[in-house]
């Protein structure tokens, strides 16, 4: 069993910053990649950013240049630094872990609200 615990969400004004954290624990055999997705009301869940075990990163076009994903392999933790936040970034942000053998795990989600 793998648990993902997210933290760092909240309310911020447009132009502000937030940092999300996601710590993985439990029976983790091997992590291939970790990432962040988000889901706004009435919209589908979408990829925000992910990072492989080797450190390769990928970002959605909507956040590229404003968000930075990083990870601490020793702590099985992934971070999302979000700068220059916009009201359209408002969503529930979910941590995602892709493990060996194709297992996928999700966090419970953390709300990010950006006011204009």
PDB file of N, CA and C in Angstrom:
ATOM      1  N   UNK A   1       0.835  -1.191   0.000  1.00  0.00           N
ATOM      2  CA  UNK A   1       0.000   0.000   0.000  1.00  0.00           C
ATOM      3  C   UNK A   1       0.873   1.245   0.000  1.00  0.00           C
ATOM      4  N   UNK A   2       0.511   2.199  -0.854  1.00  0.00           N
ATOM      5  CA  UNK A   2       1.272   3.444  -0.973  1.00  0.00           C
ATOM      6  C   UNK A   2       0.354   4.606  -0.610  1.00  0.00           C
ATOM      7  N   UNK A   3       0.863   5.510   0.184  1.00  0.00           N
ATOM      8  CA  UNK A   3       0.112   6.708   0.552  1.00  0.00           C
ATOM      9  C   UNK A   3       0.839   7.945   0.038  1.00  0.00           C
ATOM     10  N   UNK A   4       0.056   8.858  -0.494  1.00  0.00           N
ATOM     11  CA  UNK A   4       0.584  10.144  -0.938  1.00  0.00           C
ATOM     12  C   UNK A   4      -0.091  11.233  -0.113  1.00  0.00           C
ATOM     13  N   UNK A   5       0.697  12.029   0.556  1.00  0.00           N
ATOM     14  CA  UNK A   5       0.156  13.091   1.404  1.00  0.00           C
ATOM     15  C   UNK A   5       0.605  14.437   0.855  1.00  0.00           C
ATOM     16  N   UNK A   6      -0.379  15.233   0.447  1.00  0.00           N
ATOM     17  CA  UNK A   6      -0.103  16.537  -0.143  1.00  0.00           C
ATOM     18  C   UNK A   6      -0.266  17.632   0.904  1.00  0.00           C
ATOM     19  N   UNK A   7       0.448  18.704   0.693  1.00  0.00           N
ATOM     20  CA  UNK A   7       0.305  19.874   1.554  1.00  0.00           C
ATOM     21  C   UNK A   7       0.718  21.113   0.771  1.00  0.00           C
ATOM     22  N   UNK A   8       0.322  22.273   1.290  1.00  0.00           N
ATOM     23  CA  UNK A   8       0.774  23.528   0.711  1.00  0.00           C
ATOM     24  C   UNK A   8      -0.265  24.300  -0.066  1.00  0.00           C
ATOM     25  N   UNK A   9      -1.447  23.741  -0.255  1.00  0.00           N
ATOM     26  CA  UNK A   9      -2.478  24.486  -0.973  1.00  0.00           C
ATOM     27  C   UNK A   9      -3.012  25.629  -0.135  1.00  0.00           C
ATOM     28  N   UNK A  10      -3.858  26.450  -0.749  1.00  0.00           N
ATOM     29  CA  UNK A  10      -4.446  27.562  -0.012  1.00  0.00           C
ATOM     30  C   UNK A  10      -4.977  28.630  -0.931  1.00  0.00           C
ATOM     31  N   UNK A  11      -5.210  29.783  -0.338  1.00  0.00           N
ATOM     32  CA  UNK A  11      -5.743  30.928  -1.062  1.00  0.00           C
ATOM     33  C   UNK A  11      -4.638  31.965  -1.238  1.00  0.00           C
ATOM     34  N   UNK A  12      -4.505  32.462  -2.456  1.00  0.00           N
ATOM     35  CA  UNK A  12      -3.466  33.448  -2.753  1.00  0.00           C
ATOM     36  C   UNK A  12      -4.002  34.428  -3.784  1.00  0.00           C
ATOM     37  N   UNK A  13      -3.485  35.631  -3.761  1.00  0.00           N
ATOM     38  CA  UNK A  13      -3.879  36.615  -4.763  1.00  0.00           C
ATOM     39  C   UNK A  13      -3.151  36.375  -6.072  1.00  0.00           C
ATOM     40  N   UNK A  14      -3.744  36.831  -7.145  1.00  0.00           N
ATOM     41  CA  UNK A  14      -3.107  36.722  -8.450  1.00  0.00           C
ATOM     42  C   UNK A  14      -1.720  37.365  -8.400  1.00  0.00           C
ATOM     43  N   UNK A  15      -0.763  36.680  -9.007  1.00  0.00           N
ATOM     44  CA  UNK A  15       0.614  37.144  -8.986  1.00  0.00           C
ATOM     45  C   UNK A  15       1.434  36.569  -7.852  1.00  0.00           C
ATOM     46  N   UNK A  16       0.764  35.918  -6.922  1.00  0.00           N
ATOM     47  CA  UNK A  16       1.451  35.343  -5.774  1.00  0.00           C
ATOM     48  C   UNK A  16       2.028  33.972  -6.067  1.00  0.00           C
ATOM     49  N   UNK A  17       2.545  33.365  -4.995  1.00  0.00           N
ATOM     50  CA  UNK A  17       3.220  32.066  -5.123  1.00  0.00           C
ATOM     51  C   UNK A  17       2.721  31.100  -4.058  1.00  0.00           C
ATOM     52  N   UNK A  18       2.800  29.839  -4.390  1.00  0.00           N
ATOM     53  CA  UNK A  18       2.540  28.751  -3.457  1.00  0.00           C
ATOM     54  C   UNK A  18       3.499  27.614  -3.779  1.00  0.00           C
ATOM     55  N   UNK A  19       3.770  26.803  -2.767  1.00  0.00           N
ATOM     56  CA  UNK A  19       4.597  25.620  -2.970  1.00  0.00           C
ATOM     57  C   UNK A  19       3.853  24.404  -2.451  1.00  0.00           C
ATOM     58  N   UNK A  20       3.615  23.462  -3.330  1.00  0.00           N
ATOM     59  CA  UNK A  20       2.968  22.217  -2.953  1.00  0.00           C
ATOM     60  C   UNK A  20       4.020  21.146  -2.693  1.00  0.00           C
ATOM     61  N   UNK A  21       3.714  20.289  -1.742  1.00  0.00           N
ATOM     62  CA  UNK A  21       4.587  19.150  -1.436  1.00  0.00           C
ATOM     63  C   UNK A  21       3.751  17.884  -1.445  1.00  0.00           C
ATOM     64  N   UNK A  22       4.386  16.795  -1.810  1.00  0.00           N
ATOM     65  CA  UNK A  22       3.724  15.493  -1.791  1.00  0.00           C
ATOM     66  C   UNK A  22       4.739  14.459  -1.351  1.00  0.00           C
ATOM     67  N   UNK A  23       4.459  13.832  -0.220  1.00  0.00           N
ATOM     68  CA  UNK A  23       5.346  12.812   0.328  1.00  0.00           C
ATOM     69  C   UNK A  23       4.727  11.439   0.145  1.00  0.00           C
ATOM     70  N   UNK A  24       5.493  10.534  -0.414  1.00  0.00           N
ATOM     71  CA  UNK A  24       5.042   9.162  -0.635  1.00  0.00           C
ATOM     72  C   UNK A  24       5.593   8.254   0.459  1.00  0.00           C
ATOM     73  N   UNK A  25       4.760   7.371   0.933  1.00  0.00           N
ATOM     74  CA  UNK A  25       5.199   6.408   1.948  1.00  0.00           C
ATOM     75  C   UNK A  25       4.501   5.076   1.696  1.00  0.00           C
ATOM     76  N   UNK A  26       5.021   4.061   2.354  1.00  0.00           N
ATOM     77  CA  UNK A  26       4.417   2.740   2.210  1.00  0.00           C
ATOM     78  C   UNK A  26       5.315   1.801   1.434  1.00  0.00           C
ATOM     79  N   UNK A  27       4.696   0.814   0.823  1.00  0.00           N
ATOM     80  CA  UNK A  27       5.440  -0.231   0.122  1.00  0.00           C
ATOM     81  C   UNK A  27       5.768   0.213  -1.297  1.00  0.00           C
ATOM     82  N   UNK A  28       6.796   1.057  -1.390  1.00  0.00           N
ATOM     83  CA  UNK A  28       7.204   1.587  -2.685  1.00  0.00           C
ATOM     84  C   UNK A  28       8.376   0.777  -3.190  1.00  0.00           C
ATOM     85  N   UNK A  29       8.137  -0.012  -4.223  1.00  0.00           N
ATOM     86  CA  UNK A  29       9.205  -0.833  -4.764  1.00  0.00           C
ATOM     87  C   UNK A  29      10.150   0.003  -5.608  1.00  0.00           C
ATOM     88  N   UNK A  30       9.575   0.771  -6.517  1.00  0.00           N
ATOM     89  CA  UNK A  30      10.392   1.600  -7.397  1.00  0.00           C
ATOM     90  C   UNK A  30       9.506   2.685  -7.996  1.00  0.00           C
ATOM     91  N   UNK A  31       9.983   3.899  -7.956  1.00  0.00           N
ATOM     92  CA  UNK A  31       9.223   5.023  -8.501  1.00  0.00           C
ATOM     93  C   UNK A  31       9.789   5.391  -9.867  1.00  0.00           C
ATOM     94  N   UNK A  32       8.933   5.361 -10.870  1.00  0.00           N
ATOM     95  CA  UNK A  32       9.355   5.772 -12.196  1.00  0.00           C
ATOM     96  C   UNK A  32       9.226   7.276 -12.386  1.00  0.00           C
ATOM     97  N   UNK A  33       8.134   7.816 -11.883  1.00  0.00           N
ATOM     98  CA  UNK A  33       7.897   9.254 -12.047  1.00  0.00           C
ATOM     99  C   UNK A  33       6.889   9.713 -11.009  1.00  0.00           C
ATOM    100  N   UNK A  34       6.957  10.984 -10.701  1.00  0.00           N
ATOM    101  CA  UNK A  34       5.963  11.629  -9.846  1.00  0.00           C
ATOM    102  C   UNK A  34       5.529  12.907 -10.524  1.00  0.00           C
ATOM    103  N   UNK A  35       4.319  13.324 -10.217  1.00  0.00           N
ATOM    104  CA  UNK A  35       3.840  14.524 -10.894  1.00  0.00           C
ATOM    105  C   UNK A  35       2.634  15.130 -10.222  1.00  0.00           C
ATOM    106  N   UNK A  36       2.163  16.175 -10.852  1.00  0.00           N
ATOM    107  CA  UNK A  36       0.995  16.900 -10.371  1.00  0.00           C
ATOM    108  C   UNK A  36      -0.025  17.047 -11.496  1.00  0.00           C
ATOM    109  N   UNK A  37      -1.268  16.801 -11.144  1.00  0.00           N
ATOM    110  CA  UNK A  37      -2.389  17.049 -12.034  1.00  0.00           C
ATOM    111  C   UNK A  37      -3.311  18.038 -11.329  1.00  0.00           C
ATOM    112  N   UNK A  38      -4.216  18.618 -12.070  1.00  0.00           N
ATOM    113  CA  UNK A  38      -5.204  19.500 -11.456  1.00  0.00           C
ATOM    114  C   UNK A  38      -6.553  19.336 -12.127  1.00  0.00           C
ATOM    115  N   UNK A  39      -7.573  19.650 -11.359  1.00  0.00           N
ATOM    116  CA  UNK A  39      -8.932  19.567 -11.883  1.00  0.00           C
ATOM    117  C   UNK A  39      -9.725  20.753 -11.387  1.00  0.00           C
ATOM    118  N   UNK A  40     -10.160  21.563 -12.323  1.00  0.00           N
ATOM    119  CA  UNK A  40     -11.007  22.714 -12.015  1.00  0.00           C
ATOM    120  C   UNK A  40     -12.471  22.290 -12.105  1.00  0.00           C
ATOM    121  N   UNK A  41     -13.364  22.998 -11.457  1.00  0.00           N
ATOM    122  CA  UNK A  41     -14.789  22.637 -11.499  1.00  0.00           C
ATOM    123  C   UNK A  41     -15.302  22.563 -12.928  1.00  0.00           C
ATOM    124  N   UNK A  42     -15.965  21.463 -13.251  1.00  0.00           N
ATOM    125  CA  UNK A  42     -16.539  21.296 -14.568  1.00  0.00           C
ATOM    126  C   UNK A  42     -15.558  20.933 -15.660  1.00  0.00           C
ATOM    127  N   UNK A  43     -14.306  20.702 -15.291  1.00  0.00           N
ATOM    128  CA  UNK A  43     -13.282  20.370 -16.287  1.00  0.00           C
ATOM    129  C   UNK A  43     -12.656  19.027 -15.974  1.00  0.00           C
ATOM    130  N   UNK A  44     -11.986  18.471 -16.977  1.00  0.00           N
ATOM    131  CA  UNK A  44     -11.298  17.205 -16.782  1.00  0.00           C
ATOM    132  C   UNK A  44      -9.979  17.421 -16.054  1.00  0.00           C
ATOM    133  N   UNK A  45      -9.527  16.373 -15.403  1.00  0.00           N
ATOM    134  CA  UNK A  45      -8.224  16.428 -14.751  1.00  0.00           C
ATOM    135  C   UNK A  45      -7.145  16.520 -15.834  1.00  0.00           C
ATOM    136  N   UNK A  46      -6.179  17.395 -15.607  1.00  0.00           N
ATOM    137  CA  UNK A  46      -5.131  17.608 -16.598  1.00  0.00           C
ATOM    138  C   UNK A  46      -3.754  17.570 -15.952  1.00  0.00           C
ATOM    139  N   UNK A  47      -2.788  17.169 -16.747  1.00  0.00           N
ATOM    140  CA  UNK A  47      -1.411  17.151 -16.280  1.00  0.00           C
ATOM    141  C   UNK A  47      -0.900  18.572 -16.100  1.00  0.00           C
ATOM    142  N   UNK A  48      -0.218  18.804 -14.993  1.00  0.00           N
ATOM    143  CA  UNK A  48       0.446  20.079 -14.762  1.00  0.00           C
ATOM    144  C   UNK A  48       1.932  19.918 -15.033  1.00  0.00           C
ATOM    145  N   UNK A  49       2.535  18.944 -14.378  1.00  0.00           N
ATOM    146  CA  UNK A  49       3.969  18.707 -14.552  1.00  0.00           C
ATOM    147  C   UNK A  49       4.302  17.335 -13.995  1.00  0.00           C
ATOM    148  N   UNK A  50       5.369  16.720 -14.546  1.00  0.00           N
ATOM    149  CA  UNK A  50       5.852  15.502 -13.932  1.00  0.00           C
ATOM    150  C   UNK A  50       7.358  15.435 -14.074  1.00  0.00           C
ATOM    151  N   UNK A  51       7.951  14.606 -13.238  1.00  0.00           N
ATOM    152  CA  UNK A  51       9.391  14.463 -13.202  1.00  0.00           C
ATOM    153  C   UNK A  51       9.733  12.995 -13.040  1.00  0.00           C
ATOM    154  N   UNK A  52      10.677  12.525 -13.847  1.00  0.00           N
ATOM    155  CA  UNK A  52      11.057  11.116 -13.790  1.00  0.00           C
ATOM    156  C   UNK A  52      12.094  10.890 -12.686  1.00  0.00           C
ATOM    157  N   UNK A  53      12.379   9.644 -12.441  1.00  0.00           N
ATOM    158  CA  UNK A  53      13.382   9.313 -11.437  1.00  0.00           C
ATOM    159  C   UNK A  53      14.752   9.838 -11.843  1.00  0.00           C
ATOM    160  N   UNK A  54      14.954  10.001 -13.140  1.00  0.00           N
ATOM    161  CA  UNK A  54      16.215  10.538 -13.624  1.00  0.00           C
ATOM    162  C   UNK A  54      16.282  12.049 -13.641  1.00  0.00           C
ATOM    163  N   UNK A  55      15.149  12.700 -13.343  1.00  0.00           N
ATOM    164  CA  UNK A  55      15.146  14.149 -13.262  1.00  0.00           C
ATOM    165  C   UNK A  55      14.604  14.860 -14.485  1.00  0.00           C
ATOM    166  N   UNK A  56      14.171  14.131 -15.487  1.00  0.00           N
ATOM    167  CA  UNK A  56      13.576  14.769 -16.658  1.00  0.00           C
ATOM    168  C   UNK A  56      12.203  15.315 -16.301  1.00  0.00           C
ATOM    169  N   UNK A  57      11.921  16.505 -16.792  1.00  0.00           N
ATOM    170  CA  UNK A  57      10.660  17.168 -16.452  1.00  0.00           C
ATOM    171  C   UNK A  57       9.832  17.452 -17.695  1.00  0.00           C
ATOM    172  N   UNK A  58       8.539  17.593 -17.446  1.00  0.00           N
ATOM    173  CA  UNK A  58       7.603  17.940 -18.512  1.00  0.00           C
ATOM    174  C   UNK A  58       6.526  18.823 -17.915  1.00  0.00           C
ATOM    175  N   UNK A  59       6.152  19.876 -18.622  1.00  0.00           N
ATOM    176  CA  UNK A  59       5.161  20.821 -18.129  1.00  0.00           C
ATOM    177  C   UNK A  59       4.064  21.028 -19.166  1.00  0.00           C
ATOM    178  N   UNK A  60       2.879  21.334 -18.685  1.00  0.00           N
ATOM    179  CA  UNK A  60       1.829  21.746 -19.600  1.00  0.00           C
ATOM    180  C   UNK A  60       2.145  23.150 -20.094  1.00  0.00           C
ATOM    181  N   UNK A  61       1.649  23.480 -21.251  1.00  0.00           N
ATOM    182  CA  UNK A  61       1.903  24.793 -21.810  1.00  0.00           C
ATOM    183  C   UNK A  61       1.357  25.916 -20.949  1.00  0.00           C
ATOM    184  N   UNK A  62       0.292  25.620 -20.205  1.00  0.00           N
ATOM    185  CA  UNK A  62      -0.351  26.654 -19.402  1.00  0.00           C
ATOM    186  C   UNK A  62       0.504  27.103 -18.215  1.00  0.00           C
ATOM    187  N   UNK A  63       1.423  26.256 -17.786  1.00  0.00           N
ATOM    188  CA  UNK A  63       2.202  26.591 -16.586  1.00  0.00           C
ATOM    189  C   UNK A  63       3.691  26.726 -16.863  1.00  0.00           C
ATOM    190  N   UNK A  64       4.112  26.365 -18.048  1.00  0.00           N
ATOM    191  CA  UNK A  64       5.542  26.412 -18.363  1.00  0.00           C
ATOM    192  C   UNK A  64       6.083  27.816 -18.176  1.00  0.00           C
ATOM    193  N   UNK A  65       7.197  27.905 -17.486  1.00  0.00           N
ATOM    194  CA  UNK A  65       7.799  29.196 -17.212  1.00  0.00           C
ATOM    195  C   UNK A  65       7.341  29.820 -15.902  1.00  0.00           C
ATOM    196  N   UNK A  66       6.265  29.305 -15.331  1.00  0.00           N
ATOM    197  CA  UNK A  66       5.760  29.835 -14.060  1.00  0.00           C
ATOM    198  C   UNK A  66       5.887  28.801 -12.931  1.00  0.00           C
ATOM    199  N   UNK A  67       5.724  27.538 -13.244  1.00  0.00           N
ATOM    200  CA  UNK A  67       5.779  26.471 -12.254  1.00  0.00           C
ATOM    201  C   UNK A  67       7.077  25.691 -12.420  1.00  0.00           C
ATOM    202  N   UNK A  68       7.584  25.186 -11.300  1.00  0.00           N
ATOM    203  CA  UNK A  68       8.777  24.357 -11.319  1.00  0.00           C
ATOM    204  C   UNK A  68       8.540  23.120 -10.467  1.00  0.00           C
ATOM    205  N   UNK A  69       8.767  21.955 -11.059  1.00  0.00           N
ATOM    206  CA  UNK A  69       8.640  20.700 -10.321  1.00  0.00           C
ATOM    207  C   UNK A  69      10.025  20.209  -9.936  1.00  0.00           C
ATOM    208  N   UNK A  70      10.121  19.653  -8.742  1.00  0.00           N
ATOM    209  CA  UNK A  70      11.391  19.093  -8.287  1.00  0.00           C
ATOM    210  C   UNK A  70      11.080  17.924  -7.366  1.00  0.00           C
ATOM    211  N   UNK A  71      12.103  17.132  -7.063  1.00  0.00           N
ATOM    212  CA  UNK A  71      11.865  15.994  -6.184  1.00  0.00           C
ATOM    213  C   UNK A  71      13.089  15.710  -5.350  1.00  0.00           C
ATOM    214  N   UNK A  72      12.834  15.114  -4.216  1.00  0.00           N
ATOM    215  CA  UNK A  72      13.879  14.645  -3.319  1.00  0.00           C
ATOM    216  C   UNK A  72      13.736  13.135  -3.276  1.00  0.00           C
ATOM    217  N   UNK A  73      14.586  12.441  -4.009  1.00  0.00           N
ATOM    218  CA  UNK A  73      14.458  10.983  -4.109  1.00  0.00           C
ATOM    219  C   UNK A  73      14.649  10.298  -2.760  1.00  0.00           C
ATOM    220  N   UNK A  74      15.506  10.837  -1.944  1.00  0.00           N
ATOM    221  CA  UNK A  74      15.776  10.218  -0.638  1.00  0.00           C
ATOM    222  C   UNK A  74      14.537  10.266   0.261  1.00  0.00           C
ATOM    223  N   UNK A  75      13.710  11.294   0.058  1.00  0.00           N
ATOM    224  CA  UNK A  75      12.513  11.461   0.877  1.00  0.00           C
ATOM    225  C   UNK A  75      11.239  11.036   0.144  1.00  0.00           C
ATOM    226  N   UNK A  76      11.385  10.555  -1.080  1.00  0.00           N
ATOM    227  CA  UNK A  76      10.207  10.193  -1.889  1.00  0.00           C
ATOM    228  C   UNK A  76       9.186  11.329  -1.907  1.00  0.00           C
ATOM    229  N   UNK A  77       9.689  12.518  -2.108  1.00  0.00           N
ATOM    230  CA  UNK A  77       8.846  13.710  -2.063  1.00  0.00           C
ATOM    231  C   UNK A  77       9.002  14.509  -3.349  1.00  0.00           C
ATOM    232  N   UNK A  78       7.880  15.024  -3.823  1.00  0.00           N
ATOM    233  CA  UNK A  78       7.893  15.878  -5.001  1.00  0.00           C
ATOM    234  C   UNK A  78       7.301  17.227  -4.620  1.00  0.00           C
ATOM    235  N   UNK A  79       7.832  18.264  -5.232  1.00  0.00           N
ATOM    236  CA  UNK A  79       7.414  19.623  -4.939  1.00  0.00           C
ATOM    237  C   UNK A  79       6.941  20.314  -6.211  1.00  0.00           C
ATOM    238  N   UNK A  80       6.056  21.275  -6.039  1.00  0.00           N
ATOM    239  CA  UNK A  80       5.629  22.105  -7.157  1.00  0.00           C
ATOM    240  C   UNK A  80       5.660  23.552  -6.700  1.00  0.00           C
ATOM    241  N   UNK A  81       6.631  24.284  -7.197  1.00  0.00           N
ATOM    242  CA  UNK A  81       6.720  25.707  -6.899  1.00  0.00           C
ATOM    243  C   UNK A  81       5.908  26.446  -7.953  1.00  0.00           C
ATOM    244  N   UNK A  82       4.912  27.184  -7.494  1.00  0.00           N
ATOM    245  CA  UNK A  82       4.005  27.881  -8.404  1.00  0.00           C
ATOM    246  C   UNK A  82       4.156  29.383  -8.204  1.00  0.00           C
ATOM    247  N   UNK A  83       4.631  30.041  -9.240  1.00  0.00           N
ATOM    248  CA  UNK A  83       4.819  31.487  -9.205  1.00  0.00           C
ATOM    249  C   UNK A  83       3.892  32.170 -10.207  1.00  0.00           C
ATOM    250  N   UNK A  84       3.736  33.469 -10.044  1.00  0.00           N
ATOM    251  CA  UNK A  84       2.897  34.254 -10.962  1.00  0.00           C
ATOM    252  C   UNK A  84       1.539  33.591 -11.170  1.00  0.00           C
ATOM    253  N   UNK A  85       0.927  33.208 -10.076  1.00  0.00           N
ATOM    254  CA  UNK A  85      -0.344  32.487 -10.157  1.00  0.00           C
ATOM    255  C   UNK A  85      -1.440  33.354 -10.756  1.00  0.00           C
ATOM    256  N   UNK A  86      -2.322  32.688 -11.486  1.00  0.00           N
ATOM    257  CA  UNK A  86      -3.435  33.340 -12.163  1.00  0.00           C
ATOM    258  C   UNK A  86      -4.747  32.740 -11.656  1.00  0.00           C
ATOM    259  N   UNK A  87      -5.846  33.465 -11.769  1.00  0.00           N
ATOM    260  CA  UNK A  87      -7.134  32.898 -11.351  1.00  0.00           C
ATOM    261  C   UNK A  87      -7.451  31.587 -12.059  1.00  0.00           C
ATOM    262  N   UNK A  88      -7.003  31.432 -13.279  1.00  0.00           N
ATOM    263  CA  UNK A  88      -7.272  30.188 -14.012  1.00  0.00           C
ATOM    264  C   UNK A  88      -6.463  29.006 -13.502  1.00  0.00           C
ATOM    265  N   UNK A  89      -5.550  29.248 -12.582  1.00  0.00           N
ATOM    266  CA  UNK A  89      -4.827  28.149 -11.936  1.00  0.00           C
ATOM    267  C   UNK A  89      -5.638  27.547 -10.794  1.00  0.00           C
ATOM    268  N   UNK A  90      -6.754  28.159 -10.459  1.00  0.00           N
ATOM    269  CA  UNK A  90      -7.603  27.646  -9.387  1.00  0.00           C
ATOM    270  C   UNK A  90      -8.102  26.251  -9.725  1.00  0.00           C
ATOM    271  N   UNK A  91      -7.847  25.316  -8.825  1.00  0.00           N
ATOM    272  CA  UNK A  91      -8.216  23.919  -9.054  1.00  0.00           C
ATOM    273  C   UNK A  91      -7.842  23.102  -7.821  1.00  0.00           C
ATOM    274  N   UNK A  92      -8.275  21.859  -7.821  1.00  0.00           N
ATOM    275  CA  UNK A  92      -7.751  20.888  -6.868  1.00  0.00           C
ATOM    276  C   UNK A  92      -6.533  20.243  -7.518  1.00  0.00           C
ATOM    277  N   UNK A  93      -5.428  20.274  -6.825  1.00  0.00           N
ATOM    278  CA  UNK A  93      -4.173  19.722  -7.341  1.00  0.00           C
ATOM    279  C   UNK A  93      -3.939  18.346  -6.715  1.00  0.00           C
ATOM    280  N   UNK A  94      -3.662  17.384  -7.585  1.00  0.00           N
ATOM    281  CA  UNK A  94      -3.470  16.001  -7.153  1.00  0.00           C
ATOM    282  C   UNK A  94      -2.047  15.553  -7.437  1.00  0.00           C
ATOM    283  N   UNK A  95      -1.469  14.921  -6.462  1.00  0.00           N
ATOM    284  CA  UNK A  95      -0.160  14.300  -6.634  1.00  0.00           C
ATOM    285  C   UNK A  95      -0.341  12.931  -7.276  1.00  0.00           C
ATOM    286  N   UNK A  96       0.581  12.572  -8.118  1.00  0.00           N
ATOM    287  CA  UNK A  96       0.517  11.314  -8.864  1.00  0.00           C
ATOM    288  C   UNK A  96       1.855  10.613  -8.779  1.00  0.00           C
ATOM    289  N   UNK A  97       1.823   9.307  -8.597  1.00  0.00           N
ATOM    290  CA  UNK A  97       3.051   8.511  -8.559  1.00  0.00           C
ATOM    291  C   UNK A  97       2.898   7.329  -9.499  1.00  0.00           C
ATOM    292  N   UNK A  98       3.857   7.182 -10.382  1.00  0.00           N
ATOM    293  CA  UNK A  98       3.896   6.042 -11.300  1.00  0.00           C
ATOM    294  C   UNK A  98       5.011   5.118 -10.846  1.00  0.00           C
ATOM    295  N   UNK A  99       4.610   3.945 -10.402  1.00  0.00           N
ATOM    296  CA  UNK A  99       5.588   3.003  -9.872  1.00  0.00           C
ATOM    297  C   UNK A  99       5.908   1.925 -10.905  1.00  0.00           C
ATOM    298  N   UNK A 100       6.840   1.075 -10.532  1.00  0.00           N
ATOM    299  CA  UNK A 100       7.194  -0.039 -11.407  1.00  0.00           C
ATOM    300  C   UNK A 100       5.967  -0.926 -11.622  1.00  0.00           C
ATOM    301  N   UNK A 101       6.004  -1.667 -12.741  1.00  0.00           N
ATOM    302  CA  UNK A 101       4.926  -2.589 -13.105  1.00  0.00           C
ATOM    303  C   UNK A 101       3.626  -1.865 -13.431  1.00  0.00           C
ATOM    304  N   UNK A 102       3.701  -0.549 -13.631  1.00  0.00           N
ATOM    305  CA  UNK A 102       2.534   0.199 -14.074  1.00  0.00           C
ATOM    306  C   UNK A 102       1.564   0.631 -13.008  1.00  0.00           C
ATOM    307  N   UNK A 103       1.916   0.445 -11.757  1.00  0.00           N
ATOM    308  CA  UNK A 103       1.018   0.880 -10.689  1.00  0.00           C
ATOM    309  C   UNK A 103       0.984   2.407 -10.635  1.00  0.00           C
ATOM    310  N   UNK A 104      -0.223   2.944 -10.469  1.00  0.00           N
ATOM    311  CA  UNK A 104      -0.436   4.387 -10.391  1.00  0.00           C
ATOM    312  C   UNK A 104      -1.151   4.719  -9.080  1.00  0.00           C
ATOM    313  N   UNK A 105      -0.657   5.722  -8.391  1.00  0.00           N
ATOM    314  CA  UNK A 105      -1.239   6.137  -7.116  1.00  0.00           C
ATOM    315  C   UNK A 105      -1.564   7.618  -7.165  1.00  0.00           C
ATOM    316  N   UNK A 106      -2.610   7.981  -6.415  1.00  0.00           N
ATOM    317  CA  UNK A 106      -3.046   9.374  -6.362  1.00  0.00           C
ATOM    318  C   UNK A 106      -3.153   9.857  -4.923  1.00  0.00           C
ATOM    319  N   UNK A 107      -2.867  11.121  -4.733  1.00  0.00           N
ATOM    320  CA  UNK A 107      -3.115  11.753  -3.448  1.00  0.00           C
ATOM    321  C   UNK A 107      -4.564  12.162  -3.338  1.00  0.00           C
ATOM    322  N   UNK A 108      -4.912  12.716  -2.176  1.00  0.00           N
ATOM    323  CA  UNK A 108      -6.306  13.069  -1.929  1.00  0.00           C
ATOM    324  C   UNK A 108      -6.676  14.429  -2.530  1.00  0.00           C
ATOM    325  N   UNK A 109      -5.680  15.176  -2.927  1.00  0.00           N
ATOM    326  CA  UNK A 109      -5.922  16.488  -3.535  1.00  0.00           C
ATOM    327  C   UNK A 109      -5.802  17.622  -2.550  1.00  0.00           C
ATOM    328  N   UNK A 110      -5.334  18.750  -3.032  1.00  0.00           N
ATOM    329  CA  UNK A 110      -5.237  19.949  -2.209  1.00  0.00           C
ATOM    330  C   UNK A 110      -5.753  21.131  -3.022  1.00  0.00           C
ATOM    331  N   UNK A 111      -6.574  21.950  -2.393  1.00  0.00           N
ATOM    332  CA  UNK A 111      -7.218  23.055  -3.099  1.00  0.00           C
ATOM    333  C   UNK A 111      -6.271  24.238  -3.230  1.00  0.00           C
ATOM    334  N   UNK A 112      -6.194  24.762  -4.442  1.00  0.00           N
ATOM    335  CA  UNK A 112      -5.475  25.999  -4.704  1.00  0.00           C
ATOM    336  C   UNK A 112      -6.483  26.992  -5.285  1.00  0.00           C
ATOM    337  N   UNK A 113      -6.609  28.130  -4.632  1.00  0.00           N
ATOM    338  CA  UNK A 113      -7.538  29.155  -5.073  1.00  0.00           C
ATOM    339  C   UNK A 113      -6.782  30.460  -5.282  1.00  0.00           C
ATOM    340  N   UNK A 114      -6.891  31.013  -6.485  1.00  0.00           N
ATOM    341  CA  UNK A 114      -6.207  32.253  -6.817  1.00  0.00           C
ATOM    342  C   UNK A 114      -7.264  33.322  -7.045  1.00  0.00           C
ATOM    343  N   UNK A 115      -7.225  34.350  -6.228  1.00  0.00           N
ATOM    344  CA  UNK A 115      -8.213  35.426  -6.357  1.00  0.00           C
ATOM    345  C   UNK A 115      -7.689  36.531  -7.260  1.00  0.00           C
ATOM    346  N   UNK A 116      -8.593  37.171  -7.958  1.00  0.00           N
ATOM    347  CA  UNK A 116      -8.180  38.239  -8.883  1.00  0.00           C
ATOM    348  C   UNK A 116      -8.167  39.592  -8.200  1.00  0.00           C
TER     349      UNK A 116
END
